[in-house]
Structures are given as structure tokens and as C-alpha cells.
């Protein structure tokens, strides 16, 4: 997906943003900034997924699932 932009989303940047935030959750709860970034990324992934096929689709589905889990864990820690 290098160099591809789908519906205004840079696919490499989307990948990097999600991965960076997810890695941060391994060290502890997300701060509000990273949580907001993940929520924006989740919306972006949902927007582009229908336009992706093959193994890239599977990859971005996994990214979406990891982002959703990280947000969920952050919500649980906030309670």
C-alpha cells in the first residue's frame, strides 16, 4: 500500500499511526491524545476497507481490530 491514498487517507500513515498507538498500550493506558488518534484511525479504516482487496484487506482488518481493542482497553482503564 506504499504510496497509495484511498479516500484521502495515506495508507502508510494510517498503518503507522495505528501501530504506534497500539504499541503504546503495551506500556500502559493510552493518554487522551493517542486515544483520539485511534478513534480517528478507526473511522478512517472503516471508510477505506471496502475499497481494499486481497491480503491488504486482511492486514487492515487486523489493524482495525487492534485499534479497537486498544481503545476498549483504554476505556476499561478509565473506569
C-alpha atoms as a PDB file:
ATOM      1  CA  UNK A   1       0.000   0.000   0.000  1.00  0.00           C
ATOM      2  CA  UNK A   2       3.093   2.224  -0.081  1.00  0.00           C
ATOM      3  CA  UNK A   3       2.330   5.427  -1.908  1.00  0.00           C
ATOM      4  CA  UNK A   4      -1.416   4.750  -2.029  1.00  0.00           C
ATOM      5  CA  UNK A   5      -4.060   7.119  -0.872  1.00  0.00           C
ATOM      6  CA  UNK A   6      -7.639   5.895  -0.632  1.00  0.00           C
ATOM      7  CA  UNK A   7     -10.498   8.304   0.012  1.00  0.00           C
ATOM      8  CA  UNK A   8      -7.976  10.893   1.170  1.00  0.00           C
ATOM      9  CA  UNK A   9      -6.226   8.536   3.589  1.00  0.00           C
ATOM     10  CA  UNK A  10      -2.495   7.853   3.247  1.00  0.00           C
ATOM     11  CA  UNK A  11      -2.377   4.119   3.858  1.00  0.00           C
ATOM     12  CA  UNK A  12       1.178   4.009   5.229  1.00  0.00           C
ATOM     13  CA  UNK A  13       0.474   6.864   7.623  1.00  0.00           C
ATOM     14  CA  UNK A  14      -2.724   5.161   8.768  1.00  0.00           C
ATOM     15  CA  UNK A  15      -0.757   1.960   9.399  1.00  0.00           C
ATOM     16  CA  UNK A  16       1.963   3.817  11.319  1.00  0.00           C
ATOM     17  CA  UNK A  17      -0.474   5.811  13.443  1.00  0.00           C
ATOM     18  CA  UNK A  18      -2.388   2.721  14.484  1.00  0.00           C
ATOM     19  CA  UNK A  19       0.742   0.672  15.134  1.00  0.00           C
ATOM     20  CA  UNK A  20       2.319   3.426  17.227  1.00  0.00           C
ATOM     21  CA  UNK A  21      -0.730   3.852  19.418  1.00  0.00           C
ATOM     22  CA  UNK A  22      -1.238   0.113  19.816  1.00  0.00           C
ATOM     23  CA  UNK A  23       2.390  -0.327  20.889  1.00  0.00           C
ATOM     24  CA  UNK A  24       1.865   2.436  23.454  1.00  0.00           C
ATOM     25  CA  UNK A  25      -0.965   0.442  25.038  1.00  0.00           C
ATOM     26  CA  UNK A  26       1.502  -2.326  25.795  1.00  0.00           C
ATOM     27  CA  UNK A  27       3.231   0.058  28.202  1.00  0.00           C
ATOM     28  CA  UNK A  28       0.084   1.253  29.913  1.00  0.00           C
ATOM     29  CA  UNK A  29      -3.166   3.107  29.365  1.00  0.00           C
ATOM     30  CA  UNK A  30      -3.450   5.416  26.393  1.00  0.00           C
ATOM     31  CA  UNK A  31      -3.307   9.114  27.003  1.00  0.00           C
ATOM     32  CA  UNK A  32      -6.189  11.184  25.649  1.00  0.00           C
ATOM     33  CA  UNK A  33      -4.216  12.304  22.585  1.00  0.00           C
ATOM     34  CA  UNK A  34      -3.444   8.744  21.445  1.00  0.00           C
ATOM     35  CA  UNK A  35      -6.976   7.634  22.210  1.00  0.00           C
ATOM     36  CA  UNK A  36      -8.333  10.383  19.942  1.00  0.00           C
ATOM     37  CA  UNK A  37      -5.833   9.427  17.228  1.00  0.00           C
ATOM     38  CA  UNK A  38      -7.006   5.811  17.414  1.00  0.00           C
ATOM     39  CA  UNK A  39     -10.652   6.802  17.191  1.00  0.00           C
ATOM     40  CA  UNK A  40      -9.894   8.858  14.065  1.00  0.00           C
ATOM     41  CA  UNK A  41      -7.896   5.965  12.643  1.00  0.00           C
ATOM     42  CA  UNK A  42     -10.744   3.549  13.291  1.00  0.00           C
ATOM     43  CA  UNK A  43     -13.100   5.797  11.355  1.00  0.00           C
ATOM     44  CA  UNK A  44     -10.566   6.067   8.525  1.00  0.00           C
ATOM     45  CA  UNK A  45     -10.056   2.305   8.324  1.00  0.00           C
ATOM     46  CA  UNK A  46     -13.804   1.720   8.197  1.00  0.00           C
ATOM     47  CA  UNK A  47     -14.015   4.247   5.358  1.00  0.00           C
ATOM     48  CA  UNK A  48     -11.253   2.660   3.239  1.00  0.00           C
ATOM     49  CA  UNK A  49     -11.781  -1.058   3.902  1.00  0.00           C
ATOM     50  CA  UNK A  50     -14.485  -1.521   1.250  1.00  0.00           C
ATOM     51  CA  UNK A  51     -12.013  -0.220  -1.355  1.00  0.00           C
ATOM     52  CA  UNK A  52      -9.212  -2.640  -0.421  1.00  0.00           C
ATOM     53  CA  UNK A  53      -8.972  -6.231  -1.574  1.00  0.00           C
ATOM     54  CA  UNK A  54      -6.772  -9.266  -1.110  1.00  0.00           C
ATOM     55  CA  UNK A  55      -4.134  -9.597   1.574  1.00  0.00           C
ATOM     56  CA  UNK A  56      -4.093  -5.822   2.127  1.00  0.00           C
ATOM     57  CA  UNK A  57      -7.725  -6.031   3.190  1.00  0.00           C
ATOM     58  CA  UNK A  58      -6.876  -8.697   5.771  1.00  0.00           C
ATOM     59  CA  UNK A  59      -3.951  -6.638   7.023  1.00  0.00           C
ATOM     60  CA  UNK A  60      -6.044  -3.502   7.524  1.00  0.00           C
ATOM     61  CA  UNK A  61      -8.816  -5.541   9.149  1.00  0.00           C
ATOM     62  CA  UNK A  62      -6.242  -6.743  11.690  1.00  0.00           C
ATOM     63  CA  UNK A  63      -5.073  -3.171  12.235  1.00  0.00           C
ATOM     64  CA  UNK A  64      -8.679  -2.113  12.797  1.00  0.00           C
ATOM     65  CA  UNK A  65      -9.189  -4.915  15.311  1.00  0.00           C
ATOM     66  CA  UNK A  66      -6.006  -4.000  17.201  1.00  0.00           C
ATOM     67  CA  UNK A  67      -7.011  -0.333  17.299  1.00  0.00           C
ATOM     68  CA  UNK A  68     -10.488  -1.196  18.558  1.00  0.00           C
ATOM     69  CA  UNK A  69      -9.030  -3.410  21.274  1.00  0.00           C
ATOM     70  CA  UNK A  70      -6.584  -0.701  22.354  1.00  0.00           C
ATOM     71  CA  UNK A  71      -9.434   1.828  22.626  1.00  0.00           C
ATOM     72  CA  UNK A  72     -11.524  -0.702  24.538  1.00  0.00           C
ATOM     73  CA  UNK A  73      -8.680  -1.380  26.955  1.00  0.00           C
ATOM     74  CA  UNK A  74      -8.229   2.357  27.435  1.00  0.00           C
ATOM     75  CA  UNK A  75     -11.926   2.731  28.215  1.00  0.00           C
ATOM     76  CA  UNK A  76     -11.733  -0.088  30.743  1.00  0.00           C
ATOM     77  CA  UNK A  77      -8.718   1.531  32.446  1.00  0.00           C
ATOM     78  CA  UNK A  78     -10.582   4.837  32.683  1.00  0.00           C
ATOM     79  CA  UNK A  79     -13.379   3.257  34.723  1.00  0.00           C
END
